[in-house]
Amino acid sequence: MYSMQSEYLGSLRTQSKHLKSGEVVMSDAPVDNNGKGEAFSPTDLVSSALCSCMMTIMGILAAREDIDLRGLKANITKVMDSNPRKISEIRIDFSGDINATDIQKGKLQKAALNCPVALSLADSVSQKISFNF
């Protein structure tokens, strides 16, 4: 059974739907690649997915450790290469006032760095992650 559906809408725009929830995500080609840049680009979604996965895995650990992660924020930077056009680097800077011990913070960091998306990206995609909490 399928879990998602995508449709090409024309003008370098796509729409993807999560079938169970009905949530929809649009993508648009970036301005520097013939698009309008009016929505996340597919490579933006990859970069955002890495961050979301890291936060989710940290959230699972935080629930077990009784740590409140609400308010954890992240800034994401995506760096592109050309010839071929691909993501060369994703930088994520986490910040927040997290009330946890140094040992717990270390566990959170390790969990984030081993999330499924991080482990799925090619080794050629440099992941530079900083934790300021």
C-alpha atoms as a PDB file:
ATOM      1  CA  MET A   1       0.000   0.000   0.000  1.00  0.00           C
ATOM      2  CA  TYR A   2       1.277   3.449  -0.895  1.00  0.00           C
ATOM      3  CA  SER A   3       1.945   5.976   1.840  1.00  0.00           C
ATOM      4  CA  MET A   4       2.375   9.102  -0.309  1.00  0.00           C
ATOM      5  CA  GLN A   5       1.387  10.417  -3.724  1.00  0.00           C
ATOM      6  CA  SER A   6       3.029  13.138  -5.791  1.00  0.00           C
ATOM      7  CA  GLU A   7       1.810  15.026  -8.813  1.00  0.00           C
ATOM      8  CA  TYR A   8       3.620  17.308 -11.256  1.00  0.00           C
ATOM      9  CA  LEU A   9       1.558  20.495 -11.536  1.00  0.00           C
ATOM     10  CA  GLY A  10       3.531  22.151 -14.318  1.00  0.00           C
ATOM     11  CA  SER A  11       5.869  25.139 -14.211  1.00  0.00           C
ATOM     12  CA  LEU A  12       8.434  23.121 -12.194  1.00  0.00           C
ATOM     13  CA  ARG A  13       6.023  22.695  -9.277  1.00  0.00           C
ATOM     14  CA  THR A  14       4.973  19.476  -7.528  1.00  0.00           C
ATOM     15  CA  GLN A  15       2.456  18.560  -4.865  1.00  0.00           C
ATOM     16  CA  SER A  16       2.958  15.610  -2.523  1.00  0.00           C
ATOM     17  CA  LYS A  17       0.261  14.230  -0.263  1.00  0.00           C
ATOM     18  CA  HIS A  18       0.668  12.083   2.839  1.00  0.00           C
ATOM     19  CA  LEU A  19      -2.194   9.642   2.393  1.00  0.00           C
ATOM     20  CA  LYS A  20      -2.866   8.782   6.036  1.00  0.00           C
ATOM     21  CA  SER A  21      -3.087  12.381   7.259  1.00  0.00           C
ATOM     22  CA  GLY A  22      -4.034  14.202   4.069  1.00  0.00           C
ATOM     23  CA  GLU A  23      -1.249  16.751   4.645  1.00  0.00           C
ATOM     24  CA  VAL A  24       0.117  18.337   1.467  1.00  0.00           C
ATOM     25  CA  VAL A  25       3.574  19.705   0.685  1.00  0.00           C
ATOM     26  CA  MET A  26       4.334  21.812  -2.371  1.00  0.00           C
ATOM     27  CA  SER A  27       7.714  22.133  -4.020  1.00  0.00           C
ATOM     28  CA  ASP A  28       8.981  24.613  -6.555  1.00  0.00           C
ATOM     29  CA  ALA A  29      12.260  24.812  -8.411  1.00  0.00           C
ATOM     30  CA  PRO A  30      14.569  27.489  -6.986  1.00  0.00           C
ATOM     31  CA  VAL A  31      15.150  30.728  -8.852  1.00  0.00           C
ATOM     32  CA  ASP A  32      18.738  29.718  -9.657  1.00  0.00           C
ATOM     33  CA  ASN A  33      17.425  26.591 -11.390  1.00  0.00           C
ATOM     34  CA  ASN A  34      14.687  28.011 -13.635  1.00  0.00           C
ATOM     35  CA  GLY A  35      11.978  28.120 -10.967  1.00  0.00           C
ATOM     36  CA  LYS A  36       9.990  30.767  -9.158  1.00  0.00           C
ATOM     37  CA  GLY A  37      11.277  29.880  -5.679  1.00  0.00           C
ATOM     38  CA  GLU A  38       7.763  30.221  -4.253  1.00  0.00           C
ATOM     39  CA  ALA A  39       7.943  27.059  -2.128  1.00  0.00           C
ATOM     40  CA  PHE A  40      10.487  24.661  -0.694  1.00  0.00           C
ATOM     41  CA  SER A  41      12.688  23.195  -3.403  1.00  0.00           C
ATOM     42  CA  PRO A  42      13.187  19.419  -3.350  1.00  0.00           C
ATOM     43  CA  THR A  43      16.697  19.918  -1.924  1.00  0.00           C
ATOM     44  CA  ASP A  44      15.268  22.288   0.714  1.00  0.00           C
ATOM     45  CA  LEU A  45      12.915  19.481   1.718  1.00  0.00           C
ATOM     46  CA  VAL A  46      15.849  17.060   2.065  1.00  0.00           C
ATOM     47  CA  SER A  47      17.674  19.535   4.306  1.00  0.00           C
ATOM     48  CA  SER A  48      14.549  20.234   6.338  1.00  0.00           C
ATOM     49  CA  ALA A  49      13.849  16.498   6.599  1.00  0.00           C
ATOM     50  CA  LEU A  50      17.294  15.963   8.119  1.00  0.00           C
ATOM     51  CA  CYS A  51      16.563  18.575  10.778  1.00  0.00           C
ATOM     52  CA  SER A  52      13.041  17.275  11.445  1.00  0.00           C
ATOM     53  CA  CYS A  53      14.338  13.731  11.784  1.00  0.00           C
ATOM     54  CA  MET A  54      17.037  14.831  14.229  1.00  0.00           C
ATOM     55  CA  MET A  55      14.472  16.738  16.322  1.00  0.00           C
ATOM     56  CA  THR A  56      12.086  13.789  16.283  1.00  0.00           C
ATOM     57  CA  ILE A  57      14.730  11.301  17.417  1.00  0.00           C
ATOM     58  CA  MET A  58      15.854  13.738  20.129  1.00  0.00           C
ATOM     59  CA  GLY A  59      12.192  14.055  21.141  1.00  0.00           C
ATOM     60  CA  ILE A  60      11.869  10.282  21.544  1.00  0.00           C
ATOM     61  CA  LEU A  61      14.953  10.214  23.768  1.00  0.00           C
ATOM     62  CA  ALA A  62      13.798  13.304  25.663  1.00  0.00           C
ATOM     63  CA  ALA A  63      10.474  11.654  26.487  1.00  0.00           C
ATOM     64  CA  ARG A  64      12.325   8.658  27.964  1.00  0.00           C
ATOM     65  CA  GLU A  65      14.680  10.935  29.933  1.00  0.00           C
ATOM     66  CA  ASP A  66      11.899  13.336  31.055  1.00  0.00           C
ATOM     67  CA  ILE A  67      13.488  16.297  29.235  1.00  0.00           C
ATOM     68  CA  ASP A  68      11.281  19.073  27.865  1.00  0.00           C
ATOM     69  CA  LEU A  69      12.520  19.978  24.363  1.00  0.00           C
ATOM     70  CA  ARG A  70       9.789  22.514  23.629  1.00  0.00           C
ATOM     71  CA  GLY A  71      11.378  25.630  22.252  1.00  0.00           C
ATOM     72  CA  LEU A  72      14.304  23.809  20.649  1.00  0.00           C
ATOM     73  CA  LYS A  73      15.015  25.660  17.416  1.00  0.00           C
ATOM     74  CA  ALA A  74      17.288  25.096  14.450  1.00  0.00           C
ATOM     75  CA  ASN A  75      18.670  27.175  11.617  1.00  0.00           C
ATOM     76  CA  ILE A  76      19.359  25.217   8.445  1.00  0.00           C
ATOM     77  CA  THR A  77      21.764  26.117   5.643  1.00  0.00           C
ATOM     78  CA  LYS A  78      21.943  24.118   2.428  1.00  0.00           C
ATOM     79  CA  VAL A  79      24.993  24.386   0.167  1.00  0.00           C
ATOM     80  CA  MET A  80      24.706  23.270  -3.446  1.00  0.00           C
ATOM     81  CA  ASP A  81      27.390  22.041  -5.851  1.00  0.00           C
ATOM     82  CA  SER A  82      27.226  22.182  -9.614  1.00  0.00           C
ATOM     83  CA  ASN A  83      28.375  19.673 -12.242  1.00  0.00           C
ATOM     84  CA  PRO A  84      26.434  17.750 -11.157  1.00  0.00           C
ATOM     85  CA  ARG A  85      23.937  19.885  -9.283  1.00  0.00           C
ATOM     86  CA  LYS A  86      23.576  18.311  -5.838  1.00  0.00           C
ATOM     87  CA  ILE A  87      23.607  19.068  -2.128  1.00  0.00           C
ATOM     88  CA  SER A  88      27.210  19.256  -0.953  1.00  0.00           C
ATOM     89  CA  GLU A  89      26.620  20.345   2.625  1.00  0.00           C
ATOM     90  CA  ILE A  90      23.829  20.747   5.154  1.00  0.00           C
ATOM     91  CA  ARG A  91      24.492  22.858   8.238  1.00  0.00           C
ATOM     92  CA  ILE A  92      22.112  22.722  11.166  1.00  0.00           C
ATOM     93  CA  ASP A  93      22.578  24.902  14.227  1.00  0.00           C
ATOM     94  CA  PHE A  94      20.392  23.805  17.144  1.00  0.00           C
ATOM     95  CA  SER A  95      19.713  26.227  19.966  1.00  0.00           C
ATOM     96  CA  GLY A  96      17.489  26.416  22.978  1.00  0.00           C
ATOM     97  CA  ASP A  97      17.370  26.552  26.738  1.00  0.00           C
ATOM     98  CA  ILE A  98      17.182  22.816  27.444  1.00  0.00           C
ATOM     99  CA  ASN A  99      17.100  21.804  31.104  1.00  0.00           C
ATOM    100  CA  ALA A 100      19.215  18.637  30.951  1.00  0.00           C
ATOM    101  CA  THR A 101      22.434  17.297  32.412  1.00  0.00           C
ATOM    102  CA  ASP A 102      25.613  17.243  30.332  1.00  0.00           C
ATOM    103  CA  ILE A 103      25.239  13.462  30.027  1.00  0.00           C
ATOM    104  CA  GLN A 104      21.667  13.856  28.754  1.00  0.00           C
ATOM    105  CA  LYS A 105      22.757  16.551  26.299  1.00  0.00           C
ATOM    106  CA  GLY A 106      25.419  14.179  24.998  1.00  0.00           C
ATOM    107  CA  LYS A 107      22.782  11.480  24.516  1.00  0.00           C
ATOM    108  CA  LEU A 108      20.565  13.943  22.638  1.00  0.00           C
ATOM    109  CA  GLN A 109      23.426  14.879  20.343  1.00  0.00           C
ATOM    110  CA  LYS A 110      24.341  11.257  19.649  1.00  0.00           C
ATOM    111  CA  ALA A 111      20.700  10.416  18.944  1.00  0.00           C
ATOM    112  CA  ALA A 112      20.383  13.305  16.496  1.00  0.00           C
ATOM    113  CA  LEU A 113      23.551  12.415  14.607  1.00  0.00           C
ATOM    114  CA  ASN A 114      22.286   8.851  14.171  1.00  0.00           C
ATOM    115  CA  CYS A 115      18.772   9.616  12.973  1.00  0.00           C
ATOM    116  CA  PRO A 116      17.498   7.641   9.954  1.00  0.00           C
ATOM    117  CA  VAL A 117      17.788  10.553   7.510  1.00  0.00           C
ATOM    118  CA  ALA A 118      21.365  11.334   8.621  1.00  0.00           C
ATOM    119  CA  LEU A 119      22.293   7.692   8.105  1.00  0.00           C
ATOM    120  CA  SER A 120      20.533   7.593   4.709  1.00  0.00           C
ATOM    121  CA  LEU A 121      22.320  10.542   3.101  1.00  0.00           C
ATOM    122  CA  ALA A 122      25.344   9.802   0.924  1.00  0.00           C
ATOM    123  CA  ASP A 123      28.752  10.313   2.511  1.00  0.00           C
ATOM    124  CA  SER A 124      29.348  13.015  -0.111  1.00  0.00           C
ATOM    125  CA  VAL A 125      26.798  15.222   1.695  1.00  0.00           C
ATOM    126  CA  SER A 126      28.690  16.899   4.509  1.00  0.00           C
ATOM    127  CA  GLN A 127      26.558  17.231   7.654  1.00  0.00           C
ATOM    128  CA  LYS A 128      27.800  20.026   9.921  1.00  0.00           C
ATOM    129  CA  ILE A 129      25.680  20.006  13.042  1.00  0.00           C
ATOM    130  CA  SER A 130      26.133  22.265  16.061  1.00  0.00           C
ATOM    131  CA  PHE A 131      24.332  22.004  19.380  1.00  0.00           C
ATOM    132  CA  ASN A 132      23.973  25.159  21.456  1.00  0.00           C
ATOM    133  CA  PHE A 133      21.864  23.984  24.350  1.00  0.00           C
END
